Amino acid sequence: MVKPDMTTSVAGIDFKNPILTASGTFGYGLEFIDFLDLNRLGGLVTKGLSAAPRRGNPPARIVETPAGMLNAIGLQNIGVKAFLEDKLPGLREFDTRVIANVFGATEVAYVEACEMLNQASGVAGIELNVSCPNTEEGGMIFGIDPAALGHVNALCRKATKLPLIVKLSPNVTDIQLMARCARDAGADAISLVNTFVGMAIDVERRRPVLANVCGGLSGPAIRPLAVWLTWLVRQAVEIPIIGIGGIMNARDVVEFLLAGASAVQVGTASFVTPSISADIVTELSNWLSDRKISSIRELICGLEVPPRG
C-alpha cells in the first residue's frame, strides 16, 4: 500500500508531517534524543527563549491534575545567546524544522530576542509567546489586550524576516478578535491554545500547591476547549493554524485538523511517554492508510457541520 502524503505547510514552512512538539514540554529538543528519532518529527518548538537567561519560579512548579497538569515554571531558560551557541548546532544535525519560541517582559525584550534569532541558520520560524506580563504597563498580559498584542506583534514583524507564528492565550473574552489582531499586525500563522489559568490547593495545609499560587493547565482535560477555539479562529482568519491542547493519539490530531488546523503540537503527553510525538506520526500514517486517505490535506478544514433548524 502506498503511504499517505503527510506533508503540510504553515507560514511558508514545509513540514514532512503535521506533528510538532510544544514549547515548554520538549526542552530544547536534544534532551529527547535517547527516547526518539528527531528526524521523524515534522518539527519541534523550543522551550521559551528570552533575550537574557531567566531563572524561573521557585518550586513547587508542577502538580498533576485529573487528565492533565498545572505548571508554573516561570519560563526558566538559558537565553537566546546560549541557545544559539550550545543547542542549535546539535539540532542542525536533524532533518526536523526548528521553531524558536520567544517571550519578553517588555516590547524591547521581544524585539531583541527576534533580532538575535533572525539570521540563525537552522531556525525555520519564530513563535511568539504573548502570555507574558508587560512590566512596562503594570503587568497587563500582552496576549489578553488587543492593542498590546497588535503592537508587540507588529514590532516583532519588523524585527525579523523569519515566519512569525503568534501563540494565543485562551484566557480572553473574544479569541476571534485576538486572532484578527495578530493577523493584521503581520502574523503569518497562529498557534493555539496556550494553557488555561488554574489553581490547586493543599487542603490539609490550606495553602496553594504551586509556589506561584496559580499555573497553566494543560493535558487531555483542555482538548475539547482547544478544538472549539481552533474552530472559532478558523472562521475568523484565513492564515494557517497550529492546534495545541491535550493531544495523546492520532484521533486527537485528526480532530484539530478537521477543525481547521494545518499542523499540531504535542505537549503534556511527552511527560507521560517521552517518545509519543514520534509514535503519533506512525499512528497517524496508519490511520490514514486504513481509511484510504491519500493525503493529510484532505482532512484540513474538513469538518462537515450539519445545518441548524
Protein backbone atom coordinates (compact mmCIF):
# COMPACT_ATOMS: atom_id res chain seq x y z
CA MET A 1 0.00 0.00 0.00
CA VAL A 2 1.25 3.47 -0.88
CA LYS A 3 1.99 5.53 2.18
CA PRO A 4 -0.21 8.60 2.56
CA ASP A 5 1.22 12.05 1.91
CA MET A 6 1.77 13.54 5.36
CA THR A 7 3.30 16.83 4.24
CA THR A 8 1.81 20.15 5.25
CA SER A 9 2.77 23.81 5.15
CA VAL A 10 2.37 26.56 7.74
CA ALA A 11 3.50 30.18 7.27
CA GLY A 12 5.63 29.17 4.31
CA ILE A 13 7.38 26.45 6.30
CA ASP A 14 7.12 22.98 4.76
CA PHE A 15 6.80 20.12 7.24
CA LYS A 16 7.22 16.43 6.39
CA ASN A 17 4.27 15.68 8.67
CA PRO A 18 1.94 17.76 10.87
CA ILE A 19 3.37 16.61 14.23
CA LEU A 20 5.40 19.19 16.14
CA THR A 21 6.34 19.29 19.80
CA ALA A 22 5.01 22.07 22.01
CA SER A 23 7.13 24.71 23.69
CA GLY A 24 7.96 24.04 27.32
CA THR A 25 7.33 20.30 27.09
CA PHE A 26 10.29 19.16 24.97
CA GLY A 27 13.19 21.15 26.37
CA TYR A 28 15.45 22.33 23.57
CA GLY A 29 14.91 19.08 21.68
CA LEU A 30 18.26 17.43 22.31
CA GLU A 31 17.12 16.18 25.72
CA PHE A 32 14.85 13.69 23.96
CA ILE A 33 17.30 12.04 21.55
CA ASP A 34 17.57 8.97 23.81
CA PHE A 35 13.82 8.43 23.53
CA LEU A 36 13.00 9.07 19.86
CA ASP A 37 14.49 9.93 16.49
CA LEU A 38 14.00 13.66 15.99
CA ASN A 39 14.12 13.06 12.23
CA ARG A 40 10.65 11.51 12.44
CA LEU A 41 9.03 14.72 13.61
CA GLY A 42 7.61 17.39 11.39
CA GLY A 43 9.17 19.93 13.70
CA LEU A 44 9.91 20.93 17.25
CA VAL A 45 9.25 24.14 19.12
CA THR A 46 11.89 25.12 21.62
CA LYS A 47 11.42 25.92 25.26
CA GLY A 48 10.56 29.61 25.55
CA LEU A 49 13.62 31.79 24.95
CA SER A 50 14.25 35.27 26.28
CA ALA A 51 16.99 37.65 25.23
CA ALA A 52 18.71 37.12 28.61
CA PRO A 53 18.70 33.92 30.75
CA ARG A 54 15.88 33.54 33.27
CA ARG A 55 15.79 31.51 36.49
CA GLY A 56 12.04 30.94 36.63
CA ASN A 57 9.84 30.38 39.66
CA PRO A 58 10.79 28.58 42.89
CA PRO A 59 9.36 25.08 43.50
CA ALA A 60 6.82 23.62 43.64
CA ARG A 61 6.31 24.28 39.93
CA ILE A 62 4.31 21.30 38.62
CA VAL A 63 1.31 19.45 40.00
CA GLU A 64 -0.66 16.63 38.42
CA THR A 65 -4.40 17.15 37.97
CA PRO A 66 -7.19 14.88 36.71
CA ALA A 67 -6.47 14.41 32.98
CA GLY A 68 -3.72 16.99 32.97
CA MET A 69 -1.26 19.07 34.91
CA LEU A 70 -0.65 22.58 36.20
CA ASN A 71 2.74 24.17 35.65
CA ALA A 72 4.28 27.41 36.88
CA ILE A 73 7.85 27.02 35.67
CA GLY A 74 8.16 30.76 35.21
CA LEU A 75 9.74 30.50 31.74
CA GLN A 76 13.14 29.38 33.03
CA ASN A 77 15.57 29.28 30.11
CA ILE A 78 19.21 29.67 29.10
CA GLY A 79 18.67 32.73 26.90
CA VAL A 80 18.91 33.14 23.14
CA LYS A 81 22.71 33.52 23.02
CA ALA A 82 23.34 30.22 24.83
CA PHE A 83 20.70 28.51 22.70
CA LEU A 84 22.40 29.63 19.50
CA GLU A 85 25.83 28.54 20.74
CA ASP A 86 25.07 25.37 22.70
CA LYS A 87 21.80 23.88 21.40
CA LEU A 88 21.16 24.93 17.81
CA PRO A 89 24.34 23.35 16.35
CA GLY A 90 23.16 19.94 17.58
CA LEU A 91 19.66 20.48 16.24
CA ARG A 92 21.04 21.23 12.77
CA GLU A 93 22.13 17.60 12.56
CA PHE A 94 18.49 16.52 12.26
CA ASP A 95 16.07 16.82 9.37
CA THR A 96 13.46 18.50 11.54
CA ARG A 97 12.14 22.04 11.38
CA VAL A 98 13.08 24.10 14.44
CA ILE A 99 10.71 26.83 15.62
CA ALA A 100 12.09 29.15 18.31
CA ASN A 101 9.53 30.20 20.90
CA VAL A 102 10.32 33.66 22.29
CA PHE A 103 8.95 35.91 25.00
CA GLY A 104 9.80 39.04 26.94
CA ALA A 105 8.71 41.22 29.83
CA THR A 106 8.81 44.31 27.59
CA GLU A 107 8.34 45.05 23.91
CA VAL A 108 12.06 45.81 23.65
CA ALA A 109 12.88 42.38 25.06
CA TYR A 110 10.67 40.66 22.47
CA VAL A 111 12.30 42.61 19.66
CA GLU A 112 15.80 41.87 20.94
CA ALA A 113 15.12 38.13 21.02
CA CYS A 114 13.69 38.18 17.50
CA GLU A 115 16.65 40.15 16.17
CA MET A 116 19.11 37.71 17.73
CA LEU A 117 17.36 34.77 16.05
CA ASN A 118 16.79 36.47 12.71
CA GLN A 119 19.97 35.31 10.97
CA ALA A 120 20.33 31.99 12.80
CA SER A 121 20.98 29.10 10.43
CA GLY A 122 18.65 26.24 11.26
CA VAL A 123 15.77 28.26 12.72
CA ALA A 124 12.75 27.90 10.44
CA GLY A 125 10.45 30.34 12.23
CA ILE A 126 9.60 32.18 15.43
CA GLU A 127 6.65 31.51 17.71
CA LEU A 128 5.69 34.47 19.91
CA ASN A 129 4.50 33.59 23.40
CA VAL A 130 2.31 36.57 24.21
CA SER A 131 1.02 35.13 27.51
CA CYS A 132 3.51 37.24 29.46
CA PRO A 133 3.02 40.25 31.76
CA ASN A 134 4.06 43.57 30.25
CA THR A 135 6.12 45.05 33.08
CA GLU A 136 6.10 48.46 31.40
CA GLU A 137 2.31 48.58 31.58
CA GLY A 138 1.67 47.45 35.14
CA GLY A 139 1.62 43.72 34.44
CA MET A 140 -1.06 43.63 31.74
CA ILE A 141 -0.69 40.38 29.80
CA PHE A 142 0.30 41.08 26.19
CA GLY A 143 -2.00 38.36 24.88
CA ILE A 144 -5.22 39.50 26.55
CA ASP A 145 -5.14 43.14 25.46
CA PRO A 146 -5.81 43.62 21.72
CA ALA A 147 -3.77 46.82 21.45
CA ALA A 148 -0.78 45.35 23.30
CA LEU A 149 -0.93 42.16 21.25
CA GLY A 150 -1.07 44.05 17.99
CA HIS A 151 1.76 46.39 18.93
CA VAL A 152 4.25 43.78 20.09
CA ASN A 153 3.33 41.60 17.11
CA ALA A 154 3.98 44.47 14.68
CA LEU A 155 7.33 45.31 16.30
CA CYS A 156 8.46 41.68 16.09
CA ARG A 157 7.31 41.51 12.49
CA LYS A 158 9.68 44.37 11.67
CA ALA A 159 12.50 42.78 13.68
CA THR A 160 12.68 39.50 11.76
CA LYS A 161 12.33 38.13 8.27
CA LEU A 162 11.53 34.68 9.64
CA PRO A 163 7.96 33.37 9.52
CA LEU A 164 6.13 34.67 12.58
CA ILE A 165 3.66 32.46 14.46
CA VAL A 166 1.69 34.03 17.32
CA LYS A 167 0.68 31.69 20.16
CA LEU A 168 -2.63 32.90 21.52
CA SER A 169 -3.83 32.71 25.11
CA PRO A 170 -7.24 31.09 25.65
CA ASN A 171 -7.81 33.31 28.69
CA VAL A 172 -9.63 36.01 26.73
CA THR A 173 -13.21 37.05 26.12
CA ASP A 174 -13.02 37.00 22.32
CA ILE A 175 -10.41 34.68 20.75
CA GLN A 176 -11.51 35.69 17.24
CA LEU A 177 -10.72 39.33 17.96
CA MET A 178 -7.24 38.41 19.19
CA ALA A 179 -6.64 36.28 16.10
CA ARG A 180 -7.60 39.13 13.82
CA CYS A 181 -5.32 41.50 15.76
CA ALA A 182 -2.40 39.10 15.27
CA ARG A 183 -3.15 38.69 11.57
CA ASP A 184 -3.50 42.42 10.98
CA ALA A 185 -0.19 43.07 12.76
CA GLY A 186 1.69 40.73 10.42
CA ALA A 187 1.41 37.25 11.90
CA ASP A 188 1.98 34.55 9.28
CA ALA A 189 0.20 31.91 11.36
CA ILE A 190 -1.42 31.34 14.73
CA SER A 191 -0.83 28.58 17.25
CA LEU A 192 -3.44 27.88 19.89
CA VAL A 193 -4.03 27.34 22.61
CA ASN A 194 -1.62 28.21 25.35
CA THR A 195 -2.54 26.93 28.81
CA PHE A 196 -5.65 27.88 30.78
CA VAL A 197 -5.05 29.51 34.17
CA GLY A 198 -5.80 27.19 37.09
CA MET A 199 -5.05 26.55 40.74
CA ALA A 200 -4.55 23.59 43.07
CA ILE A 201 -4.91 23.80 46.86
CA ASP A 202 -3.37 21.59 49.53
CA VAL A 203 -6.45 21.26 51.73
CA GLU A 204 -4.50 19.89 54.73
CA ARG A 205 -2.04 22.77 54.78
CA ARG A 206 -4.63 25.25 53.44
CA ARG A 207 -2.08 26.61 51.01
CA PRO A 208 -1.64 26.70 47.25
CA VAL A 209 0.28 23.70 45.94
CA LEU A 210 2.23 25.83 43.48
CA ALA A 211 4.66 28.41 44.86
CA ASN A 212 3.32 30.80 42.21
CA VAL A 213 -0.24 30.18 43.51
CA CYS A 214 -1.66 29.67 40.00
CA GLY A 215 -0.36 27.85 36.95
CA GLY A 216 -1.14 26.84 33.41
CA LEU A 217 -3.49 23.89 32.90
CA SER A 218 -2.64 21.54 30.03
CA GLY A 219 -3.35 17.96 29.02
CA PRO A 220 -6.39 16.00 27.77
CA ALA A 221 -8.72 17.95 30.06
CA ILE A 222 -8.40 21.02 27.83
CA ARG A 223 -8.61 19.31 24.43
CA PRO A 224 -12.34 19.90 23.77
CA LEU A 225 -11.86 23.57 24.64
CA ALA A 226 -8.82 23.85 22.38
CA VAL A 227 -10.58 22.15 19.47
CA TRP A 228 -13.52 24.55 19.85
CA LEU A 229 -11.25 27.60 19.89
CA THR A 230 -9.42 26.27 16.82
CA TRP A 231 -12.75 26.03 15.04
CA LEU A 232 -13.70 29.57 16.08
CA VAL A 233 -10.40 31.05 14.93
CA ARG A 234 -10.65 29.20 11.62
CA GLN A 235 -13.92 31.07 10.99
CA ALA A 236 -12.25 34.41 11.76
CA VAL A 237 -8.93 34.38 9.89
CA GLU A 238 -7.51 32.76 6.79
CA ILE A 239 -3.88 32.39 7.94
CA PRO A 240 -2.74 28.89 8.98
CA ILE A 241 -3.38 27.49 12.45
CA ILE A 242 -1.33 25.11 14.57
CA GLY A 243 -3.58 23.32 17.07
CA ILE A 244 -2.42 22.62 20.62
CA GLY A 245 -4.11 21.07 23.62
CA GLY A 246 -4.17 17.60 25.14
CA ILE A 247 -3.19 15.56 22.07
CA MET A 248 -2.48 11.95 23.07
CA ASN A 249 -3.05 9.97 19.86
CA ALA A 250 -3.77 10.17 16.13
CA ARG A 251 -7.51 10.62 16.56
CA ASP A 252 -6.86 13.72 18.65
CA VAL A 253 -4.70 15.08 15.82
CA VAL A 254 -7.46 14.47 13.31
CA GLU A 255 -9.92 16.44 15.47
CA PHE A 256 -7.71 19.51 15.25
CA LEU A 257 -7.14 19.09 11.51
CA LEU A 258 -10.84 18.79 10.81
CA ALA A 259 -11.48 21.87 12.95
CA GLY A 260 -9.11 23.89 10.77
CA ALA A 261 -5.52 23.34 11.93
CA SER A 262 -2.82 22.61 9.36
CA ALA A 263 -0.47 21.12 11.97
CA VAL A 264 -0.47 20.35 15.68
CA GLN A 265 1.84 20.43 18.68
CA VAL A 266 2.11 17.56 21.17
CA GLY A 267 2.86 18.77 24.68
CA THR A 268 1.90 17.27 28.03
CA ALA A 269 1.80 13.75 26.56
CA SER A 270 5.62 13.83 26.38
CA PHE A 271 5.73 13.85 30.19
CA VAL A 272 3.81 10.58 30.18
CA THR A 273 5.54 8.89 27.23
CA PRO A 274 8.70 10.67 26.03
CA SER A 275 8.52 9.02 22.58
CA ILE A 276 4.86 9.83 22.00
CA SER A 277 5.27 12.56 19.38
CA ALA A 278 7.12 10.17 17.07
CA ASP A 279 4.70 7.36 17.94
CA ILE A 280 1.80 9.56 16.83
CA VAL A 281 3.46 10.15 13.45
CA THR A 282 3.34 6.40 12.80
CA GLU A 283 -0.14 6.04 14.23
CA LEU A 284 -1.47 8.87 12.08
CA SER A 285 0.04 7.41 8.91
CA ASN A 286 -1.60 4.06 9.69
CA TRP A 287 -4.92 5.77 10.47
CA LEU A 288 -4.90 7.44 7.06
CA SER A 289 -3.91 4.22 5.28
CA ASP A 290 -6.65 2.22 6.97
CA ARG A 291 -9.22 4.71 5.65
CA LYS A 292 -7.61 5.00 2.21
CA ILE A 293 -6.97 8.73 2.71
CA SER A 294 -4.11 9.60 0.39
CA SER A 295 -3.13 12.97 1.86
CA ILE A 296 -3.30 14.67 5.22
CA ARG A 297 -4.52 17.77 3.41
CA GLU A 298 -7.85 16.03 2.75
CA LEU A 299 -8.60 16.43 6.46
CA ILE A 300 -7.64 20.07 6.97
CA CYS A 301 -10.81 22.18 7.39
CA GLY A 302 -12.77 19.05 6.57
CA LEU A 303 -15.39 19.29 9.33
CA GLU A 304 -18.93 18.91 8.00
CA VAL A 305 -21.32 20.87 10.17
CA PRO A 306 -25.00 20.00 9.57
CA PRO A 307 -27.37 22.91 9.07
CA ARG A 308 -29.27 24.03 12.15
CA GLY A 309 -33.03 24.02 12.47
